[in-house]
Amino acid sequence: MSAAAAALGCQQSTVSKRMRQLESRLGSQLIERRAAGVVLTPAGENALDYVITMQRSAQQLENRVSGQDRAMEGQVVLRTPDGLSTYWLARHMPEFMRIHPSIDLKLVNDQSPAIGDHAAHLSITFLPEKGMDVRADELGTLHYVPVASRDFINTYGAPQSLSDVMNLRFLTLEQYDKSLNTWGIQAAETNSLIKYSFRTDISSVLFETIRYGGGIAMAPTYLASLYPDELVVLDYEFHQSMRFWLKYQPGSHEIGRVKCVGDWITELFDRKKNPWFRDEFCHPREFSGITVIEPQQ
């Protein structure tokens, strides 16, 4: 009885009480207390066979299920904005797959109606989560500045002012409009002054249109580190920022393969290695050789 109490981490009196409750429920005496100690009755020996079977089954269940949760294998569903997935995550994906070949990573667009937030193990989101049972880790901040391609500037010339920037073939991502309340009043007021010549709700389409000389648009500064020879930053002292988080489905951060993906994503957005994701604005000229055009005096 003392050994049982020690194994269960409770008092011996608790074990005795539970034993009496079990005997009362079964209507049979399971143990006898003798001078030499506690011994099983015939009913107790009969019950012991079932107890051993139950214990083995419980242990197998724990080993198998717990092992699956700890194992670095199986599917992990990640919801993420298409811009970040296309231009940041995708270039690092081959290395992750090489290191973790048994993890089946499924990447879905955060606008996809097929898979909701509740069906994803992880989500990269611009909306902070307030639920008590949801874990959300801040990943960083995206800083947006006006950019264009070198070909566009060579064809149409450099804008002379911020007003020219906003009216010379300005392109936009429809999702930006939905996030203006996050960007603040200044962004909303500025948005009302812009004459857009092209709109899309696909980040990759917007960026490729910029790259091929289609116009000017607000784009995250990390693109300056990736395409310094193709893009031009229009530095007219106008930029906007948006924080983003890594959100875990309740309980999923304890699953080995999910934690592995979460740790990988966190490392990809390390703000010490990647200054463009810092909370404070880091000008593209500080980490890239990209051309910066300023207004003429």
Protein backbone atom coordinates (compact mmCIF):
# COMPACT_ATOMS: atom_id res chain seq x y z
CA MET A 1 0.00 0.00 0.00
CA SER A 2 2.88 2.33 0.82
CA ALA A 3 4.56 1.52 -2.49
CA ALA A 4 1.30 2.17 -4.35
CA ALA A 5 0.91 5.53 -2.62
CA ALA A 6 4.48 6.49 -3.54
CA ALA A 7 3.94 5.49 -7.17
CA LEU A 8 0.70 7.51 -7.35
CA GLY A 9 2.17 10.48 -5.51
CA CYS A 10 -0.48 10.50 -2.79
CA GLN A 11 -0.98 9.49 0.83
CA GLN A 12 -1.39 5.87 1.88
CA SER A 13 -4.77 6.76 3.36
CA THR A 14 -5.90 7.89 -0.09
CA VAL A 15 -4.98 4.53 -1.60
CA SER A 16 -6.86 2.71 1.16
CA LYS A 17 -9.92 4.90 0.62
CA ARG A 18 -9.92 4.27 -3.15
CA MET A 19 -9.56 0.55 -2.58
CA ARG A 20 -12.58 0.54 -0.25
CA GLN A 21 -14.58 2.49 -2.85
CA LEU A 22 -13.65 -0.06 -5.54
CA GLU A 23 -14.61 -2.98 -3.31
CA SER A 24 -17.93 -1.32 -2.52
CA ARG A 25 -18.65 -0.78 -6.22
CA LEU A 26 -17.77 -4.40 -7.12
CA GLY A 27 -19.50 -5.85 -4.05
CA SER A 28 -16.46 -8.03 -3.31
CA GLN A 29 -13.53 -7.94 -0.94
CA LEU A 30 -10.33 -7.68 -2.98
CA ILE A 31 -7.65 -7.59 -0.29
CA GLU A 32 -7.10 -8.88 3.23
CA ARG A 33 -4.94 -7.13 5.78
CA ARG A 34 -2.83 -9.63 7.72
CA ALA A 35 0.06 -9.33 10.12
CA ALA A 36 2.50 -10.01 7.29
CA GLY A 37 0.88 -7.37 5.12
CA VAL A 38 -1.84 -7.05 2.48
CA VAL A 39 -2.74 -10.08 0.36
CA LEU A 40 -5.22 -10.60 -2.45
CA THR A 41 -8.43 -12.53 -1.96
CA PRO A 42 -9.56 -14.99 -4.67
CA ALA A 43 -11.79 -12.17 -6.04
CA GLY A 44 -8.79 -9.83 -5.92
CA GLU A 45 -6.62 -12.28 -7.88
CA ASN A 46 -9.37 -12.58 -10.46
CA ALA A 47 -9.65 -8.79 -10.70
CA LEU A 48 -5.87 -8.47 -11.01
CA ASP A 49 -5.91 -10.26 -14.39
CA TYR A 50 -8.29 -7.62 -15.76
CA VAL A 51 -6.33 -4.80 -14.13
CA ILE A 52 -3.09 -5.95 -15.76
CA THR A 53 -4.81 -6.13 -19.16
CA MET A 54 -6.26 -2.64 -18.67
CA GLN A 55 -2.90 -1.26 -17.60
CA ARG A 56 -1.13 -2.73 -20.62
CA SER A 57 -3.79 -1.36 -22.97
CA ALA A 58 -3.55 2.08 -21.37
CA GLN A 59 0.23 2.02 -21.66
CA GLN A 60 0.07 1.00 -25.32
CA LEU A 61 -2.43 3.78 -26.00
CA GLU A 62 -0.20 6.33 -24.30
CA ASN A 63 2.90 5.11 -26.10
CA ARG A 64 1.29 5.11 -29.53
CA VAL A 65 -0.62 8.37 -29.28
CA SER A 66 2.10 10.18 -27.37
CA GLY A 67 4.65 8.82 -29.80
CA GLN A 68 2.66 10.15 -32.76
CA ASP A 69 2.51 13.59 -31.18
CA ARG A 70 6.24 13.60 -30.56
CA ALA A 71 7.19 12.06 -33.88
CA MET A 72 8.50 14.34 -36.61
CA GLU A 73 6.13 12.91 -39.20
CA GLY A 74 2.62 13.46 -40.48
CA GLN A 75 0.76 16.40 -41.97
CA VAL A 76 0.89 19.99 -40.75
CA VAL A 77 -1.50 22.54 -42.26
CA LEU A 78 -0.27 26.13 -42.39
CA ARG A 79 -2.42 29.10 -43.45
CA THR A 80 -0.46 32.12 -44.60
CA PRO A 81 -0.88 35.24 -46.76
CA ASP A 82 0.07 34.42 -50.35
CA GLY A 83 2.71 37.16 -50.52
CA LEU A 84 4.73 35.80 -47.60
CA SER A 85 4.32 32.22 -48.76
CA THR A 86 5.37 33.00 -52.35
CA TYR A 87 8.29 35.34 -51.76
CA TRP A 88 9.60 34.32 -48.34
CA LEU A 89 8.53 30.84 -47.23
CA ALA A 90 8.83 29.14 -50.64
CA ARG A 91 12.53 29.93 -51.05
CA HIS A 92 13.27 28.29 -47.69
CA MET A 93 10.96 25.30 -48.21
CA PRO A 94 13.46 22.98 -49.93
CA GLU A 95 15.83 23.14 -46.96
CA PHE A 96 13.01 22.33 -44.53
CA MET A 97 11.91 19.36 -46.66
CA ARG A 98 15.48 18.10 -46.80
CA ILE A 99 15.85 18.18 -43.02
CA HIS A 100 12.33 16.88 -42.24
CA PRO A 101 11.36 14.54 -45.10
CA SER A 102 8.65 12.83 -43.03
CA ILE A 103 6.68 16.01 -42.32
CA ASP A 104 3.96 16.64 -44.90
CA LEU A 105 3.64 20.42 -44.88
CA LYS A 106 0.44 21.68 -46.50
CA LEU A 107 0.48 25.40 -47.26
CA VAL A 108 -2.87 27.11 -47.92
CA ASN A 109 -3.78 30.69 -48.75
CA ASP A 110 -5.26 32.58 -45.82
CA GLN A 111 -8.08 33.68 -48.14
CA SER A 112 -8.94 30.11 -49.13
CA PRO A 113 -12.55 29.25 -48.18
CA ALA A 114 -11.77 25.52 -48.35
CA ILE A 115 -9.79 25.45 -45.12
CA GLY A 116 -10.73 27.71 -42.25
CA ASP A 117 -8.54 28.87 -39.41
CA HIS A 118 -9.93 26.10 -37.20
CA ALA A 119 -8.72 23.42 -39.65
CA ALA A 120 -5.13 24.69 -39.75
CA HIS A 121 -2.55 23.75 -37.16
CA LEU A 122 -0.75 27.07 -37.69
CA SER A 123 -1.67 30.44 -39.19
CA ILE A 124 0.37 33.52 -40.03
CA THR A 125 -2.06 36.35 -39.48
CA PHE A 126 -2.22 40.14 -39.33
CA LEU A 127 -5.01 39.98 -36.76
CA PRO A 128 -3.97 39.43 -33.13
CA GLU A 129 -5.83 36.61 -31.40
CA LYS A 130 -7.63 37.38 -28.17
CA GLY A 131 -8.92 33.91 -27.34
CA MET A 132 -7.66 32.55 -24.01
CA ASP A 133 -7.09 29.07 -25.44
CA VAL A 134 -5.18 30.28 -28.50
CA ARG A 135 -1.42 30.79 -28.54
CA ALA A 136 -0.23 33.61 -30.78
CA ASP A 137 3.46 34.55 -31.01
CA GLU A 138 4.44 37.85 -32.59
CA LEU A 139 6.66 37.18 -35.60
CA GLY A 140 7.51 40.70 -36.68
CA THR A 141 6.36 43.72 -38.64
CA LEU A 142 6.02 44.28 -42.37
CA HIS A 143 6.98 47.77 -43.49
CA TYR A 144 5.50 48.98 -46.78
CA VAL A 145 7.04 51.62 -49.03
CA PRO A 146 6.29 52.73 -52.61
CA VAL A 147 8.30 50.72 -55.14
CA ALA A 148 8.54 50.45 -58.90
CA SER A 149 10.73 48.66 -61.41
CA ARG A 150 13.78 50.16 -63.06
CA ASP A 151 12.05 49.75 -66.44
CA PHE A 152 9.06 51.77 -65.24
CA ILE A 153 11.26 54.63 -64.04
CA ASN A 154 13.26 54.57 -67.28
CA THR A 155 10.04 54.74 -69.30
CA TYR A 156 7.98 57.25 -67.32
CA GLY A 157 10.63 59.05 -65.31
CA ALA A 158 10.93 59.50 -61.56
CA PRO A 159 7.92 61.04 -59.77
CA GLN A 160 8.58 64.58 -58.59
CA SER A 161 6.44 64.40 -55.47
CA LEU A 162 4.33 62.11 -53.31
CA SER A 163 1.31 63.31 -55.26
CA ASP A 164 2.96 62.12 -58.48
CA VAL A 165 3.70 58.76 -56.85
CA MET A 166 0.04 58.28 -55.99
CA ASN A 167 -1.28 59.25 -59.40
CA LEU A 168 1.25 57.70 -61.78
CA ARG A 169 -0.15 54.24 -62.44
CA PHE A 170 -0.59 53.30 -58.80
CA LEU A 171 -1.40 49.64 -58.23
CA THR A 172 -2.97 48.05 -55.17
CA LEU A 173 -3.78 44.79 -53.49
CA GLU A 174 -7.44 44.56 -52.49
CA GLN A 175 -6.43 42.97 -49.19
CA TYR A 176 -4.67 46.21 -48.28
CA ASP A 177 -8.03 47.96 -48.31
CA LYS A 178 -9.41 45.48 -45.77
CA SER A 179 -6.44 46.17 -43.51
CA LEU A 180 -6.60 49.96 -43.57
CA ASN A 181 -8.19 50.01 -40.13
CA THR A 182 -5.03 48.29 -38.92
CA TRP A 183 -2.81 50.78 -40.73
CA GLY A 184 -4.56 53.74 -39.14
CA ILE A 185 -6.37 56.92 -40.05
CA GLN A 186 -3.48 58.39 -42.04
CA ALA A 187 -3.47 55.42 -44.39
CA ALA A 188 -7.23 55.61 -44.88
CA GLU A 189 -7.04 59.32 -45.70
CA THR A 190 -4.17 58.75 -48.10
CA ASN A 191 -6.02 55.89 -49.74
CA SER A 192 -8.92 58.20 -50.59
CA LEU A 193 -6.55 60.47 -52.54
CA ILE A 194 -5.00 57.77 -54.71
CA LYS A 195 -6.20 57.16 -58.27
CA TYR A 196 -5.67 53.44 -58.76
CA SER A 197 -5.07 52.11 -62.27
CA PHE A 198 -4.93 48.43 -61.32
CA ARG A 199 -6.32 46.26 -58.52
CA THR A 200 -5.91 42.60 -57.65
CA ASP A 201 -6.39 40.36 -54.62
CA ILE A 202 -3.36 38.19 -55.47
CA SER A 203 -0.03 39.38 -54.07
CA SER A 204 2.05 37.53 -56.65
CA VAL A 205 0.11 39.13 -59.51
CA LEU A 206 0.62 42.58 -58.02
CA PHE A 207 4.35 42.07 -57.57
CA GLU A 208 4.92 40.59 -61.01
CA THR A 209 3.04 43.53 -62.51
CA ILE A 210 5.42 45.84 -60.64
CA ARG A 211 8.49 43.90 -61.77
CA TYR A 212 7.48 44.08 -65.42
CA GLY A 213 6.95 47.82 -65.38
CA GLY A 214 3.23 48.04 -64.73
CA GLY A 215 3.34 50.81 -62.14
CA ILE A 216 3.98 51.85 -58.55
CA ALA A 217 2.65 50.10 -55.46
CA MET A 218 3.17 49.78 -51.73
CA ALA A 219 5.32 46.70 -51.15
CA PRO A 220 7.04 45.19 -48.10
CA THR A 221 10.67 46.24 -47.67
CA TYR A 222 11.95 42.66 -47.47
CA LEU A 223 11.49 42.52 -51.26
CA ALA A 224 14.30 45.06 -51.55
CA SER A 225 16.67 42.45 -50.14
CA LEU A 226 15.48 39.88 -52.67
CA TYR A 227 15.28 41.99 -55.84
CA PRO A 228 17.74 44.89 -55.44
CA ASP A 229 18.64 44.89 -59.16
CA GLU A 230 15.06 45.00 -60.40
CA LEU A 231 13.25 47.33 -58.00
CA VAL A 232 13.51 51.00 -57.08
CA VAL A 233 12.37 52.42 -53.74
CA LEU A 234 10.56 55.77 -53.95
CA ASP A 235 11.58 57.49 -50.74
CA TYR A 236 8.99 60.21 -50.22
CA GLU A 237 8.85 59.78 -46.44
CA PHE A 238 5.73 57.70 -46.70
CA HIS A 239 5.56 54.18 -45.31
CA GLN A 240 3.09 52.02 -43.41
CA SER A 241 3.59 49.11 -41.03
CA MET A 242 1.65 46.00 -40.07
CA ARG A 243 2.48 43.52 -37.34
CA PHE A 244 1.89 39.83 -37.90
CA TRP A 245 1.62 36.81 -35.62
CA LEU A 246 2.02 33.04 -35.70
CA LYS A 247 -1.15 31.51 -34.31
CA TYR A 248 -1.46 27.92 -33.09
CA GLN A 249 -4.68 25.93 -33.07
CA PRO A 250 -5.52 25.17 -29.41
CA GLY A 251 -3.32 22.34 -28.16
CA SER A 252 -1.38 21.97 -31.41
CA HIS A 253 1.82 23.58 -30.11
CA GLU A 254 2.35 20.45 -27.98
CA ILE A 255 2.41 18.21 -31.07
CA GLY A 256 5.98 17.49 -32.14
CA ARG A 257 5.63 18.01 -35.88
CA VAL A 258 3.59 21.20 -35.40
CA LYS A 259 6.11 22.59 -32.94
CA CYS A 260 8.86 21.75 -35.42
CA VAL A 261 7.16 23.78 -38.17
CA GLY A 262 6.42 26.60 -35.74
CA ASP A 263 10.05 26.76 -34.64
CA TRP A 264 11.15 26.79 -38.28
CA ILE A 265 8.82 29.68 -39.12
CA THR A 266 9.96 31.62 -36.06
CA GLU A 267 13.57 31.19 -37.17
CA LEU A 268 12.74 32.42 -40.69
CA PHE A 269 11.45 35.68 -39.25
CA ASP A 270 14.33 36.19 -36.83
CA ARG A 271 14.54 39.97 -36.58
CA LYS A 272 18.24 39.97 -35.72
CA LYS A 273 19.10 38.21 -38.96
CA ASN A 274 16.36 39.92 -40.98
CA PRO A 275 16.21 43.62 -40.03
CA TRP A 276 13.32 44.24 -42.43
CA PHE A 277 11.02 42.39 -40.01
CA ARG A 278 11.89 44.52 -36.99
CA ASP A 279 9.18 46.54 -35.27
CA GLU A 280 11.04 49.77 -35.97
CA PHE A 281 11.33 50.88 -39.60
CA CYS A 282 14.66 49.92 -41.16
CA HIS A 283 15.26 51.77 -44.41
CA PRO A 284 16.00 49.47 -47.38
CA ARG A 285 19.28 51.31 -48.05
CA GLU A 286 20.54 49.95 -44.70
CA PHE A 287 20.39 46.31 -45.78
CA SER A 288 20.25 46.42 -49.57
CA GLY A 289 22.03 47.99 -52.51
CA ILE A 290 18.69 48.87 -54.07
CA THR A 291 18.34 52.23 -55.85
CA VAL A 292 16.51 54.84 -53.77
CA ILE A 293 14.84 57.80 -55.51
CA GLU A 294 14.09 60.89 -53.45
CA PRO A 295 12.00 63.93 -54.41
CA GLN A 296 13.87 66.66 -56.23
CA GLN A 297 14.28 69.89 -54.33
